[in-house]
Protein backbone atom coordinates (compact mmCIF):
# COMPACT_ATOMS: atom_id res chain seq x y z
CA MET A 1 4.05 1.85 -7.21
CA THR A 2 6.50 4.22 -5.58
CA THR A 3 6.48 7.92 -4.86
CA VAL A 4 9.96 8.38 -3.40
CA ARG A 5 12.69 9.14 -5.94
CA PRO A 6 14.86 6.02 -5.63
CA PRO A 7 18.51 5.59 -6.66
CA SER A 8 19.06 5.36 -10.41
CA ALA A 9 18.93 1.54 -10.56
CA LEU A 10 15.60 1.53 -8.74
CA ARG A 11 14.27 4.39 -10.90
CA ASP A 12 14.92 2.31 -14.00
CA PHE A 13 13.33 -0.70 -12.33
CA TYR A 14 10.11 1.11 -11.39
CA GLU A 15 9.78 2.76 -14.79
CA ASN A 16 9.96 -0.64 -16.51
CA PRO A 17 6.40 -1.31 -17.77
CA ALA A 18 6.91 -5.04 -17.20
CA VAL A 19 7.11 -4.53 -13.42
CA PRO A 20 3.70 -5.14 -11.79
CA VAL A 21 2.12 -1.98 -10.32
CA ALA A 22 -1.19 -3.37 -9.09
CA SER A 23 -2.12 -5.77 -6.29
CA GLY A 24 -5.02 -8.15 -5.99
CA ASP A 25 -8.66 -7.14 -6.34
CA ALA A 26 -9.62 -8.75 -3.02
CA ARG A 27 -7.22 -6.51 -1.14
CA SER A 28 -8.45 -3.44 -3.04
CA ARG A 29 -12.10 -4.19 -2.28
CA ARG A 30 -11.50 -4.77 1.42
CA GLN A 31 -9.49 -1.59 1.75
CA ALA A 32 -12.10 0.42 -0.17
CA ARG A 33 -14.85 -0.83 2.15
CA MET A 34 -12.80 0.20 5.18
CA LEU A 35 -12.40 3.70 3.72
CA ALA A 36 -16.08 3.94 2.82
CA ASP A 37 -16.97 3.04 6.41
CA ALA A 38 -14.55 5.67 7.73
CA LEU A 39 -16.12 8.38 5.55
CA ARG A 40 -19.73 7.32 6.09
CA GLY A 41 -22.05 10.30 6.49
CA ARG A 42 -19.63 12.71 4.79
CA THR A 43 -19.55 14.16 1.28
CA GLY A 44 -16.86 15.93 -0.72
CA ALA A 45 -13.84 14.39 1.00
CA ILE A 46 -10.45 14.67 -0.72
CA VAL A 47 -8.81 11.26 -0.96
CA LEU A 48 -5.22 10.95 -2.16
CA ASP A 49 -4.13 7.59 -3.54
CA VAL A 50 -0.41 7.98 -2.90
CA GLY A 51 1.54 5.47 -4.94
CA CYS A 52 -1.50 4.85 -7.11
CA GLY A 53 0.29 2.59 -9.60
CA ASP A 54 -1.95 1.87 -12.55
CA GLY A 55 -5.03 3.20 -10.75
CA THR A 56 -6.68 -0.17 -10.15
CA ALA A 57 -7.14 0.31 -6.40
CA ALA A 58 -8.43 3.86 -6.81
CA ALA A 59 -10.93 2.72 -9.43
CA VAL A 60 -12.26 0.10 -7.01
CA ALA A 61 -12.49 2.68 -4.22
CA ALA A 62 -14.24 5.19 -6.49
CA ARG A 63 -17.18 2.83 -6.94
CA LEU A 64 -17.75 2.88 -3.17
CA LEU A 65 -16.98 6.61 -2.77
CA PRO A 66 -19.13 8.37 -5.39
CA ALA A 67 -19.54 11.47 -3.21
CA HIS A 68 -15.81 12.03 -2.79
CA ARG A 69 -12.87 13.10 -4.98
CA ILE A 70 -9.95 10.71 -5.50
CA ILE A 71 -6.60 12.01 -6.77
CA GLY A 72 -3.92 9.59 -7.90
CA VAL A 73 -0.31 10.40 -7.01
CA ASP A 74 2.77 8.53 -8.18
CA TRP A 75 6.43 9.12 -9.01
CA SER A 76 6.37 6.91 -12.10
CA GLN A 77 5.24 8.61 -15.29
CA ASP A 78 4.41 5.25 -16.82
CA ALA A 79 2.15 4.37 -13.88
CA LEU A 80 0.39 7.74 -14.15
CA ARG A 81 -0.17 7.23 -17.87
CA ARG A 82 -1.92 3.96 -17.13
CA ALA A 83 -3.81 5.34 -14.12
CA ALA A 84 -5.26 8.44 -15.80
CA PRO A 85 -8.07 6.64 -17.69
CA ARG A 86 -9.16 4.89 -14.49
CA ILE A 87 -8.90 7.78 -12.00
CA GLY A 88 -9.29 10.94 -14.04
CA THR A 89 -7.14 13.20 -11.87
CA VAL A 90 -3.49 12.19 -11.48
CA VAL A 91 -0.52 14.16 -10.18
CA ARG A 92 3.18 13.40 -10.23
CA GLY A 93 4.57 13.59 -6.73
CA GLU A 94 7.27 12.24 -4.44
CA LEU A 95 7.56 11.54 -0.76
CA GLY A 96 11.20 12.60 -0.71
CA ASP A 97 12.75 16.07 -0.86
CA GLY A 98 10.22 18.67 -1.96
CA GLY A 99 7.29 16.69 -0.67
CA LEU A 100 3.90 16.03 -2.18
CA PRO A 101 2.34 18.90 -4.19
CA PHE A 102 -0.43 19.53 -1.63
CA ALA A 103 -0.88 22.03 1.19
CA ASP A 104 -0.72 21.07 4.85
CA GLY A 105 -3.92 19.33 5.89
CA ALA A 106 -5.31 19.27 2.35
CA ALA A 107 -6.51 15.66 2.40
CA ASP A 108 -9.26 14.01 4.40
CA ALA A 109 -7.92 10.53 3.68
CA VAL A 110 -4.90 8.84 2.11
CA LEU A 111 -4.81 5.46 0.43
CA PHE A 112 -1.30 4.03 0.77
CA SER A 113 -1.60 0.65 -0.90
CA GLU A 114 1.37 -1.67 -1.29
CA VAL A 115 3.86 1.20 -1.17
CA VAL A 116 5.61 1.25 2.20
CA GLU A 117 7.44 -2.01 1.44
CA HIS A 118 9.15 -0.30 -1.52
CA LEU A 119 10.54 2.70 0.36
CA VAL A 120 14.14 3.47 1.24
CA ASP A 121 13.02 6.01 3.89
CA PRO A 122 9.56 5.09 5.26
CA ASP A 123 9.97 7.45 8.23
CA SER A 124 10.07 10.55 6.03
CA ALA A 125 7.24 9.15 3.94
CA LEU A 126 4.95 8.83 6.96
CA ASP A 127 5.92 12.35 8.05
CA GLU A 128 4.82 13.65 4.66
CA LEU A 129 1.55 11.72 4.71
CA ARG A 130 0.82 13.11 8.16
CA ARG A 131 1.53 16.62 6.87
CA VAL A 132 -0.97 16.46 3.99
CA LEU A 133 -3.67 14.87 6.14
CA ALA A 134 -6.06 17.07 8.06
CA PRO A 135 -6.08 16.56 11.85
CA GLY A 136 -7.95 13.34 12.46
CA GLY A 137 -7.60 12.41 8.77
CA HIS A 138 -7.69 8.77 7.77
CA LEU A 139 -4.71 6.71 6.58
CA MET A 140 -5.55 3.43 4.83
CA LEU A 141 -2.31 1.47 4.50
CA SER A 142 -1.80 -2.01 3.11
CA THR A 143 1.38 -4.04 2.87
CA PRO A 144 2.45 -7.70 2.61
CA ASN A 145 2.76 -9.50 5.93
CA LEU A 146 6.19 -10.87 6.75
CA ALA A 147 4.52 -13.18 9.28
CA ALA A 148 1.90 -14.57 6.87
CA TRP A 149 0.87 -18.11 7.77
CA TYR A 150 2.92 -19.73 4.99
CA ASN A 151 5.98 -17.55 5.67
CA ARG A 152 6.14 -18.93 9.19
CA ALA A 153 6.36 -22.44 7.79
CA LEU A 154 8.85 -21.44 5.10
CA LEU A 155 11.21 -19.87 7.64
CA LEU A 156 11.09 -23.01 9.78
CA ALA A 157 12.15 -24.93 6.68
CA GLY A 158 14.97 -22.48 5.99
CA VAL A 159 13.28 -20.98 2.90
CA GLN A 160 13.27 -17.26 2.09
CA PRO A 161 9.78 -15.86 2.87
CA VAL A 162 7.33 -14.93 0.14
CA PHE A 163 7.38 -11.14 -0.57
CA SER A 164 11.02 -10.80 0.54
CA GLU A 165 13.59 -10.14 -2.19
CA VAL A 166 17.37 -10.30 -2.22
CA SER A 167 17.82 -9.02 -5.79
CA LEU A 168 16.13 -6.87 -8.43
CA ARG A 169 17.38 -9.20 -11.16
CA GLY A 170 15.79 -12.49 -10.23
CA ILE A 171 14.12 -14.76 -7.68
CA HIS A 172 16.51 -16.42 -5.26
CA GLY A 173 15.64 -18.84 -2.49
CA ARG A 174 11.89 -18.17 -2.28
CA PRO A 175 8.65 -19.20 -4.02
CA GLY A 176 7.21 -16.94 -6.71
CA SER A 177 8.05 -15.75 -10.19
CA GLU A 178 7.90 -11.92 -10.09
CA VAL A 179 10.47 -9.42 -8.86
CA VAL A 180 8.59 -6.37 -7.60
CA GLY A 181 11.19 -4.39 -5.65
CA HIS A 182 10.31 -4.99 -2.00
CA LEU A 183 12.83 -3.36 0.31
CA ARG A 184 11.09 -3.67 3.71
CA LEU A 185 8.57 -6.04 5.23
CA TYR A 186 6.44 -5.69 8.35
CA THR A 187 4.64 -7.86 10.85
CA ALA A 188 1.36 -6.61 12.32
CA ARG A 189 3.09 -5.73 15.59
CA ALA A 190 5.92 -3.82 13.89
CA LEU A 191 3.48 -1.92 11.69
CA ARG A 192 1.34 -0.86 14.64
CA GLU A 193 4.38 0.41 16.53
CA PHE A 194 5.78 2.18 13.48
CA LEU A 195 2.55 4.02 12.72
CA THR A 196 2.02 4.99 16.35
CA ALA A 197 5.55 6.39 16.58
CA SER A 198 4.89 8.34 13.35
CA GLY A 199 1.92 10.23 14.79
CA PHE A 200 -1.00 7.97 13.92
CA GLY A 201 -3.54 6.26 16.10
CA ILE A 202 -4.53 2.74 15.09
CA VAL A 203 -8.26 2.31 14.48
CA ARG A 204 -8.29 -1.20 13.03
CA VAL A 205 -5.97 -3.86 11.65
CA ALA A 206 -7.50 -6.37 9.23
CA GLY A 207 -6.25 -9.04 6.84
CA ALA A 208 -6.66 -9.66 3.12
CA PRO A 209 -5.80 -12.60 0.86
CA PHE A 210 -2.95 -12.62 -1.65
CA HIS A 211 -3.78 -13.19 -5.31
CA GLY A 212 -0.52 -15.09 -5.85
CA VAL A 213 -1.36 -17.95 -3.49
CA PRO A 214 -1.77 -21.26 -5.40
CA PRO A 215 -5.46 -22.04 -6.08
CA ALA A 216 -5.48 -25.11 -3.84
CA LEU A 217 -4.39 -23.00 -0.86
CA ARG A 218 -6.69 -20.01 -1.40
CA PRO A 219 -9.49 -21.22 0.90
CA LEU A 220 -6.93 -21.47 3.72
CA ASP A 221 -5.56 -18.05 2.83
CA ARG A 222 -9.04 -16.54 3.08
CA LEU A 223 -9.58 -18.22 6.45
CA ALA A 224 -6.29 -16.75 7.72
CA CYS A 225 -7.72 -13.25 7.21
CA ALA A 226 -9.73 -13.78 10.41
CA VAL A 227 -6.39 -13.52 12.25
CA PRO A 228 -4.75 -10.41 10.72
CA SER A 229 -1.34 -11.15 12.23
CA ALA A 230 -1.23 -14.34 10.11
CA ALA A 231 -2.96 -13.01 6.96
CA SER A 232 -1.16 -12.55 3.65
CA ILE A 233 -1.82 -8.81 3.49
CA LEU A 234 -2.09 -6.35 6.37
CA LEU A 235 -4.75 -3.63 6.11
CA VAL A 236 -4.47 -0.81 8.62
CA HIS A 237 -6.88 2.05 9.27
CA ALA A 238 -5.10 4.77 11.25
CA ARG A 239 -5.85 8.44 11.96
CA ARG A 240 -3.56 11.43 12.31
CA THR A 241 -3.16 12.21 16.00
CA ARG A 242 -0.58 15.01 15.91
């Protein structure tokens, strides 16, 4: 889930096996297809799944990337233990001091799935991802959308948006039943500007549904993906530009 060494309270939180470390299959499949399209015509690419969690997303991507090597990276030892059977190659690494255990420009692509919203220092994290990517390398980032269609309505009603959290101990003032440690949330516009300022060029922004949406609302959630700025999950394909 997270690759930056957090304060002690957050370290304990992320090492708790009861904390979810995987996101929905629909998001994983859409992101994997975007990466497969980006690497079309190539073989032997090195793909780092940074913040691999339990390896679910990497396992989905591997089915579409048989000619490439995927390496799972996470700070949490418990997450790596669960990811190893799915990915094969896993490495403990952090985005904080000391950096990831890879040389400059070692990776052709980075999967960064549902991680940036957990980070205390996302600026340094993006710097480190840019360092390990080769020039022109692909960054596939996904994160919950603060401006998801239902969050807009919830805010108008004075309700805390879905995905946002005010405590690590319980749910307060918002729908949902799981505490997952979100520290930051992004709109599509903010994410574009943030990535551009961090040395990445935006190739595409897409949307994905959220597995936690009530069944009756899922058709609407899938329709919202046609307008990424209102989708539940933001998927961004960016490339290293400097």
